[in-house]
Amino acid sequence: MDIFTYIIPIGLGAVTLVLLAGLVNMLRNGSTSTSQKLMRWRVGLQFGTIVLVMLGVYLSGN
């Protein structure tokens, strides 16, 4: 279970960094293709982090 203690915060940090990068790109009127790419990365990272959280909750119940 100790592995989830380290992996989940890393996933949350990655989601936050990609979200902030997307916001900076929008504020600077960056390219729309970069914004879309960052959005896809954010959604994928969020999905992966949610899966890790749910897996950690499931395995801690045993």
N, C-alpha and C. Protein backbone atom coordinates (compact mmCIF):
# COMPACT_ATOMS: atom_id res chain seq x y z
N MET A 1 0.81 -1.19 0.00
CA MET A 1 0.00 0.00 0.00
C MET A 1 0.86 1.26 0.00
N ASP A 2 2.11 1.15 0.40
CA ASP A 2 2.97 2.33 0.45
C ASP A 2 3.19 2.94 -0.92
N ILE A 3 3.11 2.12 -1.96
CA ILE A 3 3.34 2.65 -3.31
C ILE A 3 2.27 3.66 -3.70
N PHE A 4 1.04 3.46 -3.26
CA PHE A 4 -0.04 4.40 -3.57
C PHE A 4 0.16 5.73 -2.83
N THR A 5 0.84 5.67 -1.69
CA THR A 5 1.12 6.88 -0.93
C THR A 5 2.00 7.83 -1.74
N TYR A 6 2.81 7.30 -2.63
CA TYR A 6 3.72 8.11 -3.43
C TYR A 6 3.18 8.37 -4.84
N ILE A 7 2.51 7.40 -5.43
CA ILE A 7 2.09 7.53 -6.83
C ILE A 7 0.89 8.48 -6.97
N ILE A 8 -0.06 8.45 -6.07
CA ILE A 8 -1.25 9.29 -6.18
C ILE A 8 -0.90 10.78 -6.13
N PRO A 9 -0.07 11.24 -5.19
CA PRO A 9 0.31 12.66 -5.22
C PRO A 9 1.09 13.06 -6.47
N ILE A 10 1.88 12.14 -7.01
CA ILE A 10 2.59 12.43 -8.26
C ILE A 10 1.59 12.61 -9.39
N GLY A 11 0.58 11.77 -9.44
CA GLY A 11 -0.46 11.90 -10.46
C GLY A 11 -1.23 13.21 -10.32
N LEU A 12 -1.55 13.58 -9.08
CA LEU A 12 -2.25 14.85 -8.85
C LEU A 12 -1.39 16.03 -9.25
N GLY A 13 -0.10 15.95 -8.96
CA GLY A 13 0.82 17.02 -9.35
C GLY A 13 0.94 17.13 -10.86
N ALA A 14 0.97 16.00 -11.54
CA ALA A 14 1.05 16.01 -13.01
C ALA A 14 -0.19 16.64 -13.62
N VAL A 15 -1.36 16.30 -13.08
CA VAL A 15 -2.61 16.90 -13.57
C VAL A 15 -2.58 18.41 -13.36
N THR A 16 -2.13 18.83 -12.20
CA THR A 16 -2.06 20.27 -11.89
C THR A 16 -1.12 21.00 -12.83
N LEU A 17 0.04 20.41 -13.09
CA LEU A 17 1.02 21.06 -13.98
C LEU A 17 0.48 21.19 -15.40
N VAL A 18 -0.16 20.15 -15.90
CA VAL A 18 -0.71 20.21 -17.25
C VAL A 18 -1.86 21.21 -17.32
N LEU A 19 -2.68 21.26 -16.27
CA LEU A 19 -3.76 22.25 -16.22
C LEU A 19 -3.21 23.67 -16.23
N LEU A 20 -2.18 23.92 -15.43
CA LEU A 20 -1.57 25.25 -15.40
C LEU A 20 -0.92 25.60 -16.74
N ALA A 21 -0.28 24.62 -17.37
CA ALA A 21 0.33 24.87 -18.68
C ALA A 21 -0.74 25.23 -19.71
N GLY A 22 -1.89 24.59 -19.64
CA GLY A 22 -2.99 24.91 -20.54
C GLY A 22 -3.54 26.31 -20.29
N LEU A 23 -3.64 26.69 -19.03
CA LEU A 23 -4.12 28.03 -18.70
C LEU A 23 -3.15 29.10 -19.18
N VAL A 24 -1.86 28.85 -18.99
CA VAL A 24 -0.85 29.80 -19.47
C VAL A 24 -0.91 29.91 -20.98
N ASN A 25 -1.08 28.81 -21.66
CA ASN A 25 -1.18 28.83 -23.12
C ASN A 25 -2.40 29.63 -23.57
N MET A 26 -3.52 29.47 -22.87
CA MET A 26 -4.72 30.23 -23.24
C MET A 26 -4.54 31.72 -22.97
N LEU A 27 -3.92 32.07 -21.84
CA LEU A 27 -3.74 33.48 -21.49
C LEU A 27 -2.77 34.19 -22.45
N ARG A 28 -1.83 33.44 -23.00
CA ARG A 28 -0.88 34.01 -23.95
C ARG A 28 -1.39 33.95 -25.38
N ASN A 29 -2.63 33.53 -25.56
CA ASN A 29 -3.21 33.34 -26.89
C ASN A 29 -2.35 32.39 -27.74
N GLY A 30 -1.97 31.27 -27.12
CA GLY A 30 -1.17 30.27 -27.81
C GLY A 30 -1.99 29.53 -28.85
N SER A 31 -1.33 28.60 -29.51
CA SER A 31 -2.01 27.86 -30.58
C SER A 31 -3.10 26.96 -30.01
N THR A 32 -4.14 26.80 -30.80
CA THR A 32 -5.26 25.97 -30.36
C THR A 32 -4.88 24.49 -30.36
N SER A 33 -3.97 24.10 -31.24
CA SER A 33 -3.57 22.69 -31.26
C SER A 33 -2.82 22.33 -29.98
N THR A 34 -2.03 23.26 -29.45
CA THR A 34 -1.35 23.01 -28.19
C THR A 34 -2.36 22.91 -27.06
N SER A 35 -3.36 23.77 -27.07
CA SER A 35 -4.41 23.72 -26.04
C SER A 35 -5.14 22.39 -26.07
N GLN A 36 -5.46 21.91 -27.27
CA GLN A 36 -6.15 20.63 -27.39
C GLN A 36 -5.27 19.47 -26.93
N LYS A 37 -3.99 19.54 -27.25
CA LYS A 37 -3.07 18.49 -26.82
C LYS A 37 -2.96 18.46 -25.30
N LEU A 38 -2.86 19.64 -24.69
CA LEU A 38 -2.79 19.70 -23.23
C LEU A 38 -4.09 19.21 -22.59
N MET A 39 -5.21 19.51 -23.21
CA MET A 39 -6.50 19.04 -22.69
C MET A 39 -6.56 17.52 -22.72
N ARG A 40 -6.10 16.93 -23.81
CA ARG A 40 -6.09 15.46 -23.90
C ARG A 40 -5.19 14.85 -22.83
N TRP A 41 -4.02 15.45 -22.63
CA TRP A 41 -3.10 14.96 -21.60
C TRP A 41 -3.75 15.07 -20.22
N ARG A 42 -4.41 16.20 -19.95
CA ARG A 42 -5.03 16.40 -18.65
C ARG A 42 -6.11 15.36 -18.40
N VAL A 43 -6.95 15.12 -19.39
CA VAL A 43 -8.03 14.13 -19.23
C VAL A 43 -7.44 12.74 -19.00
N GLY A 44 -6.41 12.39 -19.75
CA GLY A 44 -5.78 11.08 -19.57
C GLY A 44 -5.13 10.94 -18.20
N LEU A 45 -4.45 11.99 -17.75
CA LEU A 45 -3.83 11.95 -16.43
C LEU A 45 -4.86 11.89 -15.32
N GLN A 46 -5.96 12.62 -15.49
CA GLN A 46 -7.03 12.56 -14.50
C GLN A 46 -7.62 11.15 -14.43
N PHE A 47 -7.85 10.54 -15.57
CA PHE A 47 -8.38 9.18 -15.59
C PHE A 47 -7.43 8.22 -14.87
N GLY A 48 -6.14 8.31 -15.20
CA GLY A 48 -5.16 7.44 -14.56
C GLY A 48 -5.08 7.64 -13.06
N THR A 49 -5.15 8.89 -12.62
CA THR A 49 -5.09 9.18 -11.19
C THR A 49 -6.33 8.67 -10.47
N ILE A 50 -7.49 8.82 -11.10
CA ILE A 50 -8.73 8.31 -10.48
C ILE A 50 -8.67 6.79 -10.38
N VAL A 51 -8.15 6.13 -11.41
CA VAL A 51 -8.00 4.67 -11.35
C VAL A 51 -7.08 4.27 -10.21
N LEU A 52 -5.98 5.00 -10.05
CA LEU A 52 -5.05 4.70 -8.95
C LEU A 52 -5.70 4.90 -7.59
N VAL A 53 -6.47 5.97 -7.44
CA VAL A 53 -7.16 6.23 -6.17
C VAL A 53 -8.15 5.10 -5.88
N MET A 54 -8.93 4.72 -6.87
CA MET A 54 -9.92 3.67 -6.66
C MET A 54 -9.24 2.33 -6.37
N LEU A 55 -8.14 2.05 -7.05
CA LEU A 55 -7.40 0.82 -6.79
C LEU A 55 -6.83 0.83 -5.37
N GLY A 56 -6.33 1.97 -4.94
CA GLY A 56 -5.81 2.08 -3.58
C GLY A 56 -6.89 1.88 -2.54
N VAL A 57 -8.07 2.45 -2.78
CA VAL A 57 -9.20 2.26 -1.85
C VAL A 57 -9.63 0.80 -1.84
N TYR A 58 -9.71 0.20 -3.00
CA TYR A 58 -10.12 -1.21 -3.08
C TYR A 58 -9.14 -2.12 -2.35
N LEU A 59 -7.84 -1.92 -2.59
CA LEU A 59 -6.85 -2.79 -1.97
C LEU A 59 -6.68 -2.53 -0.48
N SER A 60 -6.99 -1.35 -0.02
CA SER A 60 -6.87 -1.07 1.42
C SER A 60 -8.03 -1.69 2.21
N GLY A 61 -9.10 -2.06 1.54
CA GLY A 61 -10.24 -2.67 2.21
C GLY A 61 -10.03 -4.12 2.57
N ASN A 62 -8.99 -4.75 2.05
CA ASN A 62 -8.75 -6.18 2.32
C ASN A 62 -8.10 -6.41 3.64
